[in-house]
């Protein structure tokens, strides 16, 4: 598979490409998990690295999708201030 992509490279990727890469890595991890249980895969460290890469991709994808939404903290803080003053 490809070399590990850094966080800065992942953040520079468009969301569509990031989702495509995520699906590819998830498929690869599923195959590796099967190979490990069948004792055909010897490098279990690579499995762990791939899982960490998936976690990085999911984190960046979450950051990118949260940026498009409206922040809800302002309305919550106004409600709390109103409740405290009562």
N, C-alpha and C. Protein backbone atom coordinates (compact mmCIF):
# COMPACT_ATOMS: atom_id res chain seq x y z
N UNK A 1 0.85 -1.17 0.00
CA UNK A 1 0.00 0.00 0.00
C UNK A 1 0.89 1.24 0.00
N UNK A 2 0.30 2.39 0.10
CA UNK A 2 1.05 3.63 0.04
C UNK A 2 1.70 3.93 1.39
N UNK A 3 2.63 4.84 1.38
CA UNK A 3 3.29 5.24 2.61
C UNK A 3 2.32 6.04 3.47
N UNK A 4 2.62 6.14 4.76
CA UNK A 4 1.76 6.86 5.68
C UNK A 4 1.73 8.33 5.32
N UNK A 5 0.53 8.87 5.26
CA UNK A 5 0.33 10.27 4.93
C UNK A 5 0.32 11.08 6.22
N UNK A 6 0.98 12.22 6.23
CA UNK A 6 1.04 13.03 7.43
C UNK A 6 -0.27 13.78 7.63
N UNK A 7 -0.46 14.31 8.83
CA UNK A 7 -1.67 15.07 9.16
C UNK A 7 -1.81 16.29 8.26
N UNK A 8 -0.72 16.99 8.00
CA UNK A 8 -0.80 18.19 7.16
C UNK A 8 -1.22 17.84 5.73
N UNK A 9 -0.72 16.71 5.23
CA UNK A 9 -1.13 16.27 3.89
C UNK A 9 -2.60 15.87 3.87
N UNK A 10 -3.06 15.21 4.95
CA UNK A 10 -4.47 14.82 5.03
C UNK A 10 -5.37 16.05 5.11
N UNK A 11 -4.95 17.07 5.84
CA UNK A 11 -5.75 18.28 5.97
C UNK A 11 -5.82 19.05 4.65
N UNK A 12 -4.82 18.88 3.80
CA UNK A 12 -4.81 19.57 2.51
C UNK A 12 -5.66 18.86 1.47
N UNK A 13 -6.03 17.61 1.72
CA UNK A 13 -6.82 16.84 0.77
C UNK A 13 -8.27 17.29 0.77
N UNK A 14 -8.94 17.25 -0.39
CA UNK A 14 -10.38 17.52 -0.42
C UNK A 14 -11.15 16.40 0.28
N UNK A 15 -12.35 16.70 0.73
CA UNK A 15 -13.14 15.74 1.49
C UNK A 15 -13.43 14.48 0.67
N UNK A 16 -13.72 14.64 -0.60
CA UNK A 16 -14.04 13.47 -1.44
C UNK A 16 -12.85 12.52 -1.55
N UNK A 17 -11.64 13.07 -1.74
CA UNK A 17 -10.45 12.22 -1.82
C UNK A 17 -10.15 11.57 -0.47
N UNK A 18 -10.39 12.30 0.59
CA UNK A 18 -10.15 11.77 1.93
C UNK A 18 -11.08 10.58 2.21
N UNK A 19 -12.34 10.71 1.82
CA UNK A 19 -13.29 9.61 2.02
C UNK A 19 -12.91 8.39 1.18
N UNK A 20 -12.43 8.64 -0.04
CA UNK A 20 -12.01 7.53 -0.91
C UNK A 20 -10.82 6.80 -0.31
N UNK A 21 -9.83 7.54 0.16
CA UNK A 21 -8.66 6.93 0.80
C UNK A 21 -9.05 6.16 2.06
N UNK A 22 -9.99 6.71 2.81
CA UNK A 22 -10.45 6.05 4.03
C UNK A 22 -11.07 4.69 3.71
N UNK A 23 -11.91 4.64 2.68
CA UNK A 23 -12.52 3.37 2.28
C UNK A 23 -11.47 2.36 1.85
N UNK A 24 -10.47 2.82 1.11
CA UNK A 24 -9.39 1.93 0.66
C UNK A 24 -8.64 1.35 1.85
N UNK A 25 -8.29 2.20 2.81
CA UNK A 25 -7.56 1.73 3.99
C UNK A 25 -8.40 0.80 4.84
N UNK A 26 -9.70 1.09 4.98
CA UNK A 26 -10.57 0.22 5.77
C UNK A 26 -10.68 -1.17 5.14
N UNK A 27 -10.77 -1.23 3.81
CA UNK A 27 -10.81 -2.51 3.12
C UNK A 27 -9.51 -3.27 3.32
N UNK A 28 -8.42 -2.56 3.23
CA UNK A 28 -7.11 -3.19 3.41
C UNK A 28 -6.96 -3.74 4.82
N UNK A 29 -7.43 -3.01 5.83
CA UNK A 29 -7.33 -3.47 7.21
C UNK A 29 -8.19 -4.72 7.43
N UNK A 30 -9.37 -4.75 6.82
CA UNK A 30 -10.21 -5.95 6.93
C UNK A 30 -9.51 -7.18 6.37
N UNK A 31 -8.87 -7.01 5.21
CA UNK A 31 -8.15 -8.13 4.60
C UNK A 31 -6.98 -8.56 5.48
N UNK A 32 -6.27 -7.58 6.03
CA UNK A 32 -5.14 -7.90 6.90
C UNK A 32 -5.58 -8.62 8.16
N UNK A 33 -6.72 -8.21 8.73
CA UNK A 33 -7.23 -8.86 9.93
C UNK A 33 -7.53 -10.34 9.64
N UNK A 34 -8.11 -10.61 8.49
CA UNK A 34 -8.39 -11.98 8.10
C UNK A 34 -7.10 -12.77 7.91
N UNK A 35 -6.13 -12.16 7.27
CA UNK A 35 -4.84 -12.83 7.05
C UNK A 35 -4.13 -13.12 8.37
N UNK A 36 -4.25 -12.21 9.33
CA UNK A 36 -3.60 -12.42 10.62
C UNK A 36 -4.26 -13.59 11.36
N UNK A 37 -5.59 -13.66 11.31
CA UNK A 37 -6.27 -14.77 12.00
C UNK A 37 -5.99 -16.11 11.33
N UNK A 38 -5.72 -16.08 10.02
CA UNK A 38 -5.40 -17.31 9.30
C UNK A 38 -3.90 -17.62 9.35
N UNK A 39 -3.14 -16.78 10.03
CA UNK A 39 -1.68 -16.93 10.17
C UNK A 39 -0.95 -16.88 8.83
N UNK A 40 -1.45 -16.12 7.88
CA UNK A 40 -0.73 -15.92 6.62
C UNK A 40 0.00 -14.58 6.62
N UNK A 41 -0.41 -13.66 7.46
CA UNK A 41 0.24 -12.35 7.57
C UNK A 41 1.19 -12.38 8.76
N UNK A 42 2.44 -12.05 8.52
CA UNK A 42 3.45 -12.10 9.58
C UNK A 42 3.69 -10.74 10.22
N UNK A 43 3.47 -9.67 9.48
CA UNK A 43 3.77 -8.33 9.97
C UNK A 43 2.53 -7.72 10.63
N UNK A 44 2.36 -7.99 11.92
CA UNK A 44 1.21 -7.45 12.64
C UNK A 44 1.41 -5.97 12.96
N UNK A 45 2.62 -5.49 12.93
CA UNK A 45 2.89 -4.08 13.15
C UNK A 45 2.30 -3.22 12.05
N UNK A 46 2.30 -3.74 10.84
CA UNK A 46 1.72 -3.00 9.72
C UNK A 46 0.22 -2.83 9.92
N UNK A 47 -0.42 -3.85 10.51
CA UNK A 47 -1.86 -3.78 10.80
C UNK A 47 -2.13 -2.63 11.77
N UNK A 48 -1.32 -2.51 12.80
CA UNK A 48 -1.49 -1.43 13.77
C UNK A 48 -1.25 -0.07 13.14
N UNK A 49 -0.25 0.04 12.27
CA UNK A 49 0.02 1.31 11.60
C UNK A 49 -1.14 1.72 10.71
N UNK A 50 -1.72 0.75 10.01
CA UNK A 50 -2.87 1.04 9.14
C UNK A 50 -4.06 1.52 9.96
N UNK A 51 -4.30 0.90 11.12
CA UNK A 51 -5.41 1.31 11.96
C UNK A 51 -5.21 2.73 12.49
N UNK A 52 -3.97 3.06 12.82
CA UNK A 52 -3.68 4.42 13.27
C UNK A 52 -3.88 5.42 12.15
N UNK A 53 -3.53 5.03 10.94
CA UNK A 53 -3.73 5.91 9.78
C UNK A 53 -5.23 6.14 9.56
N UNK A 54 -6.03 5.11 9.72
CA UNK A 54 -7.49 5.26 9.59
C UNK A 54 -8.01 6.23 10.64
N UNK A 55 -7.49 6.12 11.86
CA UNK A 55 -7.92 7.03 12.92
C UNK A 55 -7.56 8.47 12.58
N UNK A 56 -6.38 8.68 12.02
CA UNK A 56 -5.98 10.03 11.60
C UNK A 56 -6.92 10.57 10.53
N UNK A 57 -7.24 9.73 9.56
CA UNK A 57 -8.13 10.16 8.48
C UNK A 57 -9.51 10.50 9.01
N UNK A 58 -10.02 9.70 9.92
CA UNK A 58 -11.34 9.96 10.48
C UNK A 58 -11.35 11.25 11.30
N UNK A 59 -10.24 11.52 12.00
CA UNK A 59 -10.14 12.75 12.78
C UNK A 59 -10.16 13.97 11.86
N UNK A 60 -9.37 13.93 10.80
CA UNK A 60 -9.32 15.06 9.87
C UNK A 60 -10.66 15.22 9.15
N UNK A 61 -11.28 14.11 8.79
CA UNK A 61 -12.59 14.18 8.15
C UNK A 61 -13.62 14.81 9.10
N UNK A 62 -13.56 14.45 10.36
CA UNK A 62 -14.45 15.06 11.35
C UNK A 62 -14.20 16.54 11.51
N UNK A 63 -12.94 16.94 11.51
CA UNK A 63 -12.60 18.36 11.59
C UNK A 63 -13.16 19.12 10.41
N UNK A 64 -13.02 18.56 9.22
CA UNK A 64 -13.47 19.25 8.01
C UNK A 64 -15.00 19.35 7.97
N UNK A 65 -15.70 18.33 8.39
CA UNK A 65 -17.16 18.39 8.36
C UNK A 65 -17.70 19.28 9.47
N UNK A 66 -17.02 19.37 10.60
CA UNK A 66 -17.46 20.26 11.68
C UNK A 66 -17.27 21.72 11.32
N UNK A 67 -16.28 22.02 10.49
CA UNK A 67 -16.04 23.40 10.10
C UNK A 67 -17.17 23.95 9.24
N UNK A 68 -17.88 23.09 8.54
CA UNK A 68 -18.96 23.53 7.67
C UNK A 68 -20.24 23.82 8.45
N UNK A 69 -20.36 23.29 9.68
CA UNK A 69 -21.57 23.48 10.47
C UNK A 69 -21.48 24.77 11.27
N UNK A 70 -22.64 25.28 11.67
CA UNK A 70 -22.70 26.48 12.51
C UNK A 70 -22.29 26.12 13.93
N UNK A 71 -21.50 26.93 14.58
CA UNK A 71 -21.17 26.64 15.97
C UNK A 71 -22.37 26.88 16.88
N UNK A 72 -22.63 25.95 17.78
CA UNK A 72 -23.78 26.04 18.65
C UNK A 72 -23.42 26.57 20.04
N UNK A 73 -22.17 26.85 20.28
CA UNK A 73 -21.74 27.26 21.62
C UNK A 73 -22.29 28.62 22.00
N UNK A 74 -22.48 29.51 21.04
CA UNK A 74 -22.96 30.86 21.36
C UNK A 74 -24.37 30.83 21.92
N UNK A 75 -25.25 30.03 21.35
CA UNK A 75 -26.63 29.97 21.84
C UNK A 75 -26.71 29.28 23.19
N UNK A 76 -25.85 28.31 23.43
CA UNK A 76 -25.86 27.61 24.70
C UNK A 76 -25.39 28.54 25.80
N UNK A 77 -24.33 29.31 25.55
CA UNK A 77 -23.81 30.20 26.57
C UNK A 77 -24.80 31.31 26.91
N UNK A 78 -25.58 31.78 25.94
CA UNK A 78 -26.58 32.80 26.19
C UNK A 78 -27.67 32.23 27.09
N UNK A 79 -28.08 31.01 26.85
CA UNK A 79 -29.10 30.38 27.68
C UNK A 79 -28.61 30.20 29.11
N UNK A 80 -27.36 29.79 29.26
CA UNK A 80 -26.82 29.60 30.61
C UNK A 80 -26.76 30.90 31.36
N UNK A 81 -26.39 32.00 30.68
CA UNK A 81 -26.34 33.30 31.35
C UNK A 81 -27.73 33.74 31.78
N UNK A 82 -28.72 33.49 30.92
CA UNK A 82 -30.09 33.86 31.27
C UNK A 82 -30.59 33.06 32.46
N UNK A 83 -30.22 31.81 32.55
CA UNK A 83 -30.66 30.96 33.65
C UNK A 83 -29.98 31.37 34.95
N UNK A 84 -28.73 31.80 34.88
CA UNK A 84 -27.98 32.19 36.07
C UNK A 84 -28.50 33.49 36.66
N UNK A 85 -28.93 34.41 35.81
CA UNK A 85 -29.39 35.70 36.29
C UNK A 85 -30.78 35.63 36.91
N UNK A 86 -31.52 34.57 36.62
CA UNK A 86 -32.89 34.42 37.17
C UNK A 86 -32.89 34.06 38.63
